[in-house]
Amino acid sequence: MLCHMPEATLILHRKRIFDDGSISEIKLWQVTTPVGGSSHVFKYSLYYGKPGQRWIGYDNEAGKGDHRHLGAHEAPYRFVSPEQLVTDFLADIRAEQLRREKKDEAK
């Protein structure tokens, strides 16, 4: 069980290291009762960046509810389903990768 979280079962954990050294990690738990600020029975933490640098993040920290981080910007996230969560996260990763590729090409 995680600290400050109802009983939880890890249902998905995937980690990928990309050629440029960036990392994506998806952790999704099913909980017995919703995490404070969320109305569903999932707890999640999705990360993309490099050590010490979060470029993209999705989570539902207790009290904050569902939200995502794009760089330094934090905004609410409308959770629909675990599948949609992963789809949205992967789309944001791809957009960030394309943005970084264009930035590198301009150098």
Protein backbone atom coordinates (compact mmCIF):
# COMPACT_ATOMS: atom_id res chain seq x y z
CA MET A 1 0.00 0.00 0.00
CA LEU A 2 1.21 3.49 -0.84
CA CYS A 3 1.39 6.20 1.76
CA HIS A 4 -1.82 8.29 1.99
CA MET A 5 -3.61 6.01 -0.44
CA PRO A 6 -6.41 3.49 0.02
CA GLU A 7 -5.58 -0.17 -0.56
CA ALA A 8 -4.11 -0.37 -4.05
CA THR A 9 -3.30 -2.99 -6.66
CA LEU A 10 -0.70 -2.14 -9.30
CA ILE A 11 -2.30 -2.96 -12.65
CA LEU A 12 0.21 -1.39 -15.06
CA HIS A 13 3.88 -0.48 -14.83
CA ARG A 14 5.87 0.27 -17.97
CA LYS A 15 9.21 2.02 -18.26
CA ARG A 16 11.01 2.89 -21.48
CA ILE A 17 14.38 4.50 -22.04
CA PHE A 18 14.65 6.26 -25.40
CA ASP A 19 17.80 6.58 -27.52
CA ASP A 20 18.30 10.19 -26.40
CA GLY A 21 18.32 9.13 -22.73
CA SER A 22 14.81 10.36 -22.00
CA ILE A 23 12.56 8.11 -19.93
CA SER A 24 8.85 7.42 -19.93
CA GLU A 25 7.25 5.62 -17.02
CA ILE A 26 3.61 4.71 -16.49
CA LYS A 27 2.29 3.51 -13.13
CA LEU A 28 -1.40 2.78 -12.67
CA TRP A 29 -3.08 1.35 -9.59
CA GLN A 30 -6.65 0.36 -8.91
CA VAL A 31 -7.78 1.59 -5.49
CA THR A 32 -10.72 0.61 -3.33
CA THR A 33 -11.95 4.20 -2.97
CA PRO A 34 -11.18 7.28 -5.08
CA VAL A 35 -8.10 9.32 -4.26
CA GLY A 36 -9.05 12.73 -2.82
CA GLY A 37 -9.96 15.09 -5.66
CA SER A 38 -10.73 12.27 -8.14
CA SER A 39 -14.04 10.53 -8.82
CA HIS A 40 -12.68 7.21 -10.18
CA VAL A 41 -10.96 4.21 -8.60
CA PHE A 42 -7.53 4.68 -10.19
CA LYS A 43 -4.32 6.24 -8.91
CA TYR A 44 -1.72 7.07 -11.54
CA SER A 45 1.66 8.60 -12.12
CA LEU A 46 2.98 9.06 -15.66
CA TYR A 47 6.35 10.68 -16.30
CA TYR A 48 8.42 11.68 -19.33
CA GLY A 49 11.72 13.50 -19.13
CA LYS A 50 15.30 13.03 -18.07
CA PRO A 51 16.65 12.59 -14.55
CA GLY A 52 15.82 15.78 -12.67
CA GLN A 53 13.75 17.16 -15.59
CA ARG A 54 10.03 16.43 -15.91
CA TRP A 55 8.87 17.48 -19.37
CA ILE A 56 5.46 15.79 -19.17
CA GLY A 57 3.62 14.35 -16.20
CA TYR A 58 0.13 13.14 -15.40
CA ASP A 59 -1.00 12.32 -11.88
CA ASN A 60 -3.85 12.54 -9.42
CA GLU A 61 -2.11 13.49 -6.23
CA ALA A 62 -4.44 13.39 -3.22
CA GLY A 63 -6.15 16.75 -2.81
CA LYS A 64 -5.16 18.02 -6.27
CA GLY A 65 -7.20 15.58 -8.34
CA ASP A 66 -6.51 14.72 -11.96
CA HIS A 67 -3.98 17.02 -13.62
CA ARG A 68 -1.06 17.09 -15.99
CA HIS A 69 2.24 18.91 -16.22
CA LEU A 70 3.59 20.20 -19.52
CA GLY A 71 6.96 21.70 -18.71
CA ALA A 72 6.44 24.14 -15.83
CA HIS A 73 2.71 24.47 -16.62
CA GLU A 74 0.17 22.49 -14.57
CA ALA A 75 -3.45 22.12 -15.73
CA PRO A 76 -6.49 20.03 -14.81
CA TYR A 77 -6.92 16.78 -16.75
CA ARG A 78 -10.30 15.22 -17.52
CA PHE A 79 -9.88 11.53 -16.72
CA VAL A 80 -12.07 9.32 -18.95
CA SER A 81 -10.46 5.87 -18.69
CA PRO A 82 -7.05 4.27 -18.15
CA GLU A 83 -6.83 3.62 -21.90
CA GLN A 84 -7.51 7.27 -22.76
CA LEU A 85 -5.02 8.39 -20.11
CA VAL A 86 -2.25 6.36 -21.76
CA THR A 87 -3.30 7.50 -25.24
CA ASP A 88 -3.18 11.17 -24.20
CA PHE A 89 0.18 10.70 -22.46
CA LEU A 90 1.75 8.99 -25.48
CA ALA A 91 0.42 11.73 -27.79
CA ASP A 92 2.01 14.38 -25.56
CA ILE A 93 5.30 12.46 -25.59
CA ARG A 94 5.29 12.31 -29.38
CA ALA A 95 4.52 16.03 -29.65
CA GLU A 96 7.38 16.81 -27.23
CA GLN A 97 9.77 14.58 -29.18
CA LEU A 98 8.86 16.33 -32.44
CA ARG A 99 9.29 19.74 -30.79
CA ARG A 100 12.74 18.76 -29.53
CA GLU A 101 13.75 17.32 -32.92
CA LYS A 102 12.82 20.58 -34.65
CA LYS A 103 14.70 22.56 -32.03
CA ASP A 104 17.81 20.38 -32.57
CA GLU A 105 17.55 20.75 -36.37
CA ALA A 106 17.47 24.55 -36.01
CA LYS A 107 20.83 24.57 -34.19
